[in-house]
């Protein structure tokens, strides 16, 4: 009878230890799953934020590029206008020089 009691106590203790170990393992696994889910969410949020930052950066770069193109086009047009004005001013000088040469050279008379 003592042996049967000992065996039953040993089996009960073994089952209790296994059940306790299983419970502790399940708790540990649940905590690891929660940590992994938090990590996965953090990485997903970081990727989403980086993606949004890149979109914003691209938008800012596009705007800056458009502004630079407009500025360059305006400056180019302004410079061409100045050159055109200078050429118009020189035109009369060239005509007077041409007329002087025509009138002061023997072939021009």
N, C-alpha and C. Protein backbone atom coordinates (compact mmCIF):
# COMPACT_ATOMS: atom_id res chain seq x y z
N UNK A 1 0.80 -1.18 0.00
CA UNK A 1 0.00 0.00 0.00
C UNK A 1 0.87 1.27 0.00
N UNK A 2 1.94 1.23 0.76
CA UNK A 2 2.84 2.36 0.82
C UNK A 2 3.45 2.64 -0.56
N UNK A 3 3.78 1.57 -1.27
CA UNK A 3 4.37 1.71 -2.60
C UNK A 3 3.35 2.34 -3.54
N UNK A 4 2.10 1.91 -3.47
CA UNK A 4 1.05 2.45 -4.34
C UNK A 4 0.85 3.93 -4.04
N UNK A 5 0.85 4.28 -2.74
CA UNK A 5 0.72 5.69 -2.36
C UNK A 5 1.88 6.50 -2.92
N UNK A 6 3.09 5.94 -2.79
CA UNK A 6 4.28 6.62 -3.29
C UNK A 6 4.20 6.81 -4.80
N UNK A 7 3.80 5.75 -5.50
CA UNK A 7 3.69 5.83 -6.97
C UNK A 7 2.64 6.86 -7.35
N UNK A 8 1.48 6.83 -6.72
CA UNK A 8 0.42 7.80 -7.03
C UNK A 8 0.87 9.23 -6.71
N UNK A 9 1.59 9.41 -5.61
CA UNK A 9 2.11 10.73 -5.26
C UNK A 9 3.13 11.19 -6.29
N UNK A 10 4.00 10.25 -6.70
CA UNK A 10 5.01 10.59 -7.71
C UNK A 10 4.35 10.96 -9.03
N UNK A 11 3.37 10.17 -9.46
CA UNK A 11 2.66 10.45 -10.72
C UNK A 11 1.93 11.78 -10.60
N UNK A 12 1.28 12.03 -9.49
CA UNK A 12 0.56 13.30 -9.28
C UNK A 12 1.52 14.48 -9.28
N UNK A 13 2.65 14.29 -8.62
CA UNK A 13 3.66 15.35 -8.60
C UNK A 13 4.20 15.60 -10.00
N UNK A 14 4.46 14.51 -10.72
CA UNK A 14 4.96 14.65 -12.10
C UNK A 14 3.95 15.40 -12.96
N UNK A 15 2.68 15.02 -12.84
CA UNK A 15 1.63 15.68 -13.63
C UNK A 15 1.52 17.15 -13.22
N UNK A 16 1.62 17.42 -11.93
CA UNK A 16 1.56 18.82 -11.46
C UNK A 16 2.73 19.62 -11.99
N UNK A 17 3.94 19.05 -11.95
CA UNK A 17 5.12 19.75 -12.45
C UNK A 17 5.00 19.98 -13.95
N UNK A 18 4.54 18.96 -14.69
CA UNK A 18 4.37 19.12 -16.13
C UNK A 18 3.32 20.18 -16.43
N UNK A 19 2.21 20.17 -15.70
CA UNK A 19 1.16 21.16 -15.92
C UNK A 19 1.67 22.56 -15.58
N UNK A 20 2.41 22.68 -14.47
CA UNK A 20 2.97 23.97 -14.11
C UNK A 20 3.98 24.45 -15.16
N UNK A 21 4.83 23.52 -15.61
CA UNK A 21 5.81 23.87 -16.65
C UNK A 21 5.11 24.29 -17.94
N UNK A 22 4.06 23.57 -18.30
CA UNK A 22 3.30 23.91 -19.50
C UNK A 22 2.67 25.29 -19.35
N UNK A 23 2.12 25.59 -18.17
CA UNK A 23 1.52 26.90 -17.93
C UNK A 23 2.57 28.01 -18.01
N UNK A 24 3.73 27.77 -17.39
CA UNK A 24 4.80 28.76 -17.45
C UNK A 24 5.26 28.95 -18.89
N UNK A 25 5.41 27.84 -19.64
CA UNK A 25 5.82 27.92 -21.04
C UNK A 25 4.80 28.70 -21.85
N UNK A 26 3.52 28.43 -21.64
CA UNK A 26 2.47 29.15 -22.37
C UNK A 26 2.52 30.64 -22.04
N UNK A 27 2.72 30.99 -20.78
CA UNK A 27 2.83 32.39 -20.38
C UNK A 27 4.04 33.03 -21.06
N UNK A 28 5.17 32.34 -21.05
CA UNK A 28 6.39 32.86 -21.67
C UNK A 28 6.19 33.03 -23.18
N UNK A 29 5.55 32.03 -23.81
CA UNK A 29 5.30 32.11 -25.24
C UNK A 29 4.35 33.26 -25.58
N UNK A 30 3.34 33.46 -24.76
CA UNK A 30 2.41 34.56 -24.98
C UNK A 30 3.15 35.91 -24.86
N UNK A 31 4.03 36.03 -23.87
CA UNK A 31 4.82 37.26 -23.72
C UNK A 31 5.74 37.47 -24.92
N UNK A 32 6.35 36.41 -25.42
CA UNK A 32 7.21 36.52 -26.61
C UNK A 32 6.40 36.92 -27.83
N UNK A 33 5.20 36.35 -27.96
CA UNK A 33 4.33 36.73 -29.08
C UNK A 33 3.94 38.20 -28.99
N UNK A 34 3.64 38.67 -27.76
CA UNK A 34 3.30 40.08 -27.59
C UNK A 34 4.48 40.97 -27.95
N UNK A 35 5.69 40.58 -27.51
CA UNK A 35 6.88 41.36 -27.85
C UNK A 35 7.10 41.38 -29.36
N UNK A 36 6.92 40.23 -30.01
CA UNK A 36 7.08 40.16 -31.46
C UNK A 36 6.04 41.01 -32.17
N UNK A 37 4.80 40.96 -31.69
CA UNK A 37 3.75 41.79 -32.30
C UNK A 37 4.05 43.27 -32.14
N UNK A 38 4.53 43.66 -30.96
CA UNK A 38 4.90 45.06 -30.75
C UNK A 38 6.06 45.46 -31.66
N UNK A 39 7.04 44.57 -31.79
CA UNK A 39 8.18 44.84 -32.68
C UNK A 39 7.72 44.97 -34.12
N UNK A 40 6.86 44.04 -34.54
CA UNK A 40 6.34 44.07 -35.91
C UNK A 40 5.55 45.35 -36.16
N UNK A 41 4.74 45.77 -35.18
CA UNK A 41 3.97 47.00 -35.33
C UNK A 41 4.91 48.20 -35.39
N UNK A 42 5.95 48.21 -34.55
CA UNK A 42 6.90 49.32 -34.56
C UNK A 42 7.62 49.41 -35.90
N UNK A 43 8.03 48.26 -36.43
CA UNK A 43 8.72 48.26 -37.73
C UNK A 43 7.77 48.72 -38.83
N UNK A 44 6.54 48.24 -38.78
CA UNK A 44 5.55 48.66 -39.78
C UNK A 44 5.31 50.16 -39.70
N UNK A 45 5.21 50.69 -38.49
CA UNK A 45 5.01 52.13 -38.33
C UNK A 45 6.21 52.91 -38.84
N UNK A 46 7.42 52.42 -38.55
CA UNK A 46 8.63 53.10 -39.03
C UNK A 46 8.68 53.10 -40.55
N UNK A 47 8.34 51.97 -41.16
CA UNK A 47 8.35 51.88 -42.63
C UNK A 47 7.30 52.83 -43.21
N UNK A 48 6.12 52.85 -42.61
CA UNK A 48 5.06 53.73 -43.10
C UNK A 48 5.48 55.20 -42.96
N UNK A 49 6.10 55.54 -41.82
CA UNK A 49 6.55 56.92 -41.61
C UNK A 49 7.65 57.29 -42.60
N UNK A 50 8.59 56.38 -42.83
CA UNK A 50 9.67 56.64 -43.79
C UNK A 50 9.11 56.82 -45.20
N UNK A 51 8.13 55.99 -45.53
CA UNK A 51 7.50 56.10 -46.85
C UNK A 51 6.82 57.46 -47.01
N UNK A 52 6.12 57.90 -45.96
CA UNK A 52 5.45 59.20 -46.01
C UNK A 52 6.49 60.32 -46.09
N UNK A 53 7.57 60.20 -45.32
CA UNK A 53 8.63 61.22 -45.36
C UNK A 53 9.24 61.31 -46.75
N UNK A 54 9.44 60.16 -47.39
CA UNK A 54 10.00 60.17 -48.74
C UNK A 54 9.04 60.81 -49.73
N UNK A 55 7.74 60.53 -49.58
CA UNK A 55 6.76 61.17 -50.46
C UNK A 55 6.79 62.68 -50.27
N UNK A 56 6.82 63.11 -49.00
CA UNK A 56 6.88 64.55 -48.72
C UNK A 56 8.15 65.14 -49.28
N UNK A 57 9.26 64.44 -49.11
CA UNK A 57 10.54 64.92 -49.62
C UNK A 57 10.51 65.03 -51.14
N UNK A 58 9.93 64.01 -51.80
CA UNK A 58 9.83 64.06 -53.26
C UNK A 58 8.97 65.25 -53.69
N UNK A 59 7.88 65.48 -52.96
CA UNK A 59 7.00 66.60 -53.29
C UNK A 59 7.76 67.92 -53.13
N UNK A 60 8.53 68.03 -52.02
CA UNK A 60 9.31 69.25 -51.80
C UNK A 60 10.37 69.42 -52.89
N UNK A 61 11.02 68.33 -53.28
CA UNK A 61 12.03 68.42 -54.33
C UNK A 61 11.40 68.82 -55.66
N UNK A 62 10.24 68.25 -55.97
CA UNK A 62 9.56 68.61 -57.21
C UNK A 62 9.20 70.10 -57.20
N UNK A 63 8.69 70.59 -56.07
CA UNK A 63 8.34 72.01 -55.97
C UNK A 63 9.59 72.87 -56.13
N UNK A 64 10.66 72.49 -55.46
CA UNK A 64 11.90 73.26 -55.56
C UNK A 64 12.43 73.26 -56.99
N UNK A 65 12.36 72.10 -57.65
CA UNK A 65 12.83 72.01 -59.03
C UNK A 65 11.99 72.89 -59.94
N UNK A 66 10.66 72.89 -59.75
CA UNK A 66 9.79 73.76 -60.55
C UNK A 66 10.14 75.22 -60.31
N UNK A 67 10.38 75.57 -59.04
CA UNK A 67 10.75 76.97 -58.73
C UNK A 67 12.07 77.34 -59.40
N UNK A 68 13.04 76.43 -59.35
CA UNK A 68 14.32 76.71 -60.01
C UNK A 68 14.15 76.85 -61.51
N UNK A 69 13.35 75.98 -62.12
CA UNK A 69 13.11 76.07 -63.56
C UNK A 69 12.45 77.39 -63.91
N UNK A 70 11.47 77.79 -63.11
CA UNK A 70 10.79 79.07 -63.37
C UNK A 70 11.75 80.24 -63.22
N UNK A 71 12.56 80.20 -62.18
CA UNK A 71 13.54 81.28 -61.95
C UNK A 71 14.52 81.35 -63.11
N UNK A 72 15.03 80.21 -63.53
CA UNK A 72 15.99 80.20 -64.65
C UNK A 72 15.33 80.70 -65.93
N UNK A 73 14.09 80.27 -66.18
CA UNK A 73 13.40 80.71 -67.38
C UNK A 73 13.18 82.22 -67.35
N UNK A 74 12.80 82.75 -66.19
CA UNK A 74 12.59 84.20 -66.07
C UNK A 74 13.90 84.95 -66.28
N UNK A 75 14.97 84.47 -65.68
CA UNK A 75 16.27 85.14 -65.85
C UNK A 75 16.75 85.07 -67.30
N UNK A 76 16.52 83.91 -67.94
CA UNK A 76 16.92 83.76 -69.33
C UNK A 76 16.13 84.73 -70.22
N UNK A 77 14.81 84.78 -69.99
CA UNK A 77 13.97 85.70 -70.76
C UNK A 77 14.41 87.15 -70.52
N UNK A 78 14.70 87.46 -69.25
CA UNK A 78 15.15 88.82 -68.92
C UNK A 78 16.46 89.14 -69.64
N UNK A 79 17.40 88.21 -69.61
CA UNK A 79 18.69 88.43 -70.27
C UNK A 79 18.52 88.58 -71.78
N UNK A 80 17.65 87.72 -72.38
CA UNK A 80 17.39 87.86 -73.81
C UNK A 80 16.76 89.21 -74.14
N UNK A 81 15.89 89.67 -73.27
CA UNK A 81 15.26 90.97 -73.48
C UNK A 81 16.30 92.08 -73.42
N UNK A 82 17.22 91.99 -72.46
CA UNK A 82 18.28 92.99 -72.34
C UNK A 82 19.16 92.95 -73.58
N UNK A 83 19.50 91.73 -74.04
CA UNK A 83 20.33 91.61 -75.24
C UNK A 83 19.61 92.17 -76.46
N UNK A 84 18.31 91.92 -76.54
CA UNK A 84 17.54 92.45 -77.66
C UNK A 84 17.56 93.98 -77.64
N UNK A 85 17.39 94.55 -76.44
CA UNK A 85 17.44 96.01 -76.30
C UNK A 85 18.80 96.56 -76.69
N UNK A 86 19.85 95.85 -76.27
CA UNK A 86 21.19 96.30 -76.62
C UNK A 86 21.39 96.23 -78.13
N UNK A 87 20.91 95.16 -78.75
CA UNK A 87 21.05 95.03 -80.20
C UNK A 87 20.26 96.10 -80.94
N UNK A 88 19.09 96.44 -80.43
CA UNK A 88 18.31 97.51 -81.07
C UNK A 88 19.04 98.84 -80.95
N UNK A 89 19.68 99.07 -79.81
CA UNK A 89 20.45 100.30 -79.63
C UNK A 89 21.66 100.35 -80.54
N UNK A 90 22.29 99.22 -80.77
CA UNK A 90 23.48 99.15 -81.61
C UNK A 90 23.10 99.25 -83.09
N UNK A 91 21.88 98.89 -83.44
CA UNK A 91 21.45 98.87 -84.84
C UNK A 91 21.61 100.25 -85.48
N UNK A 92 21.20 101.26 -84.77
CA UNK A 92 21.34 102.61 -85.35
C UNK A 92 22.81 102.99 -85.51
N UNK A 93 23.65 102.56 -84.56
CA UNK A 93 25.09 102.84 -84.67
C UNK A 93 25.66 102.12 -85.88
N UNK A 94 25.27 100.88 -86.08
CA UNK A 94 25.75 100.14 -87.25
C UNK A 94 25.30 100.80 -88.54
N UNK A 95 24.06 101.29 -88.59
CA UNK A 95 23.57 101.97 -89.79
C UNK A 95 24.37 103.24 -90.05
N UNK A 96 24.68 104.00 -88.99
CA UNK A 96 25.47 105.23 -89.22
C UNK A 96 26.87 104.88 -89.69
N UNK A 97 27.47 103.81 -89.10
CA UNK A 97 28.81 103.40 -89.56
C UNK A 97 28.73 102.94 -91.01
N UNK A 98 27.71 102.19 -91.34
CA UNK A 98 27.54 101.71 -92.72
C UNK A 98 27.38 102.90 -93.67
N UNK A 99 26.55 103.83 -93.30
CA UNK A 99 26.35 105.02 -94.14
C UNK A 99 27.63 105.82 -94.27
N UNK A 100 28.41 105.97 -93.21
CA UNK A 100 29.67 106.69 -93.25
C UNK A 100 30.63 106.02 -94.24
N UNK A 101 30.70 104.64 -94.14
CA UNK A 101 31.58 103.93 -95.07
C UNK A 101 31.09 104.09 -96.51
N UNK A 102 29.80 104.02 -96.68
CA UNK A 102 29.27 104.18 -98.05
C UNK A 102 29.59 105.56 -98.59
N UNK A 103 29.43 106.56 -97.77
CA UNK A 103 29.66 107.91 -98.26
C UNK A 103 31.14 108.29 -98.33
N UNK A 104 32.00 107.66 -97.56
CA UNK A 104 33.42 108.03 -97.52
C UNK A 104 34.33 107.07 -98.27
N UNK A 105 33.83 106.12 -98.93
CA UNK A 105 34.67 105.24 -99.73
C UNK A 105 34.44 105.52 -101.20
N UNK A 106 35.47 105.35 -102.00
CA UNK A 106 35.31 105.68 -103.42
C UNK A 106 34.29 104.78 -104.12
N UNK A 107 34.14 103.57 -103.72
CA UNK A 107 33.17 102.70 -104.41
C UNK A 107 31.75 103.03 -104.03
N UNK A 108 31.56 103.70 -102.90
CA UNK A 108 30.22 103.99 -102.44
C UNK A 108 29.59 105.19 -103.13
N UNK A 109 30.38 106.04 -103.77
CA UNK A 109 29.83 107.26 -104.38
C UNK A 109 29.40 107.06 -105.77
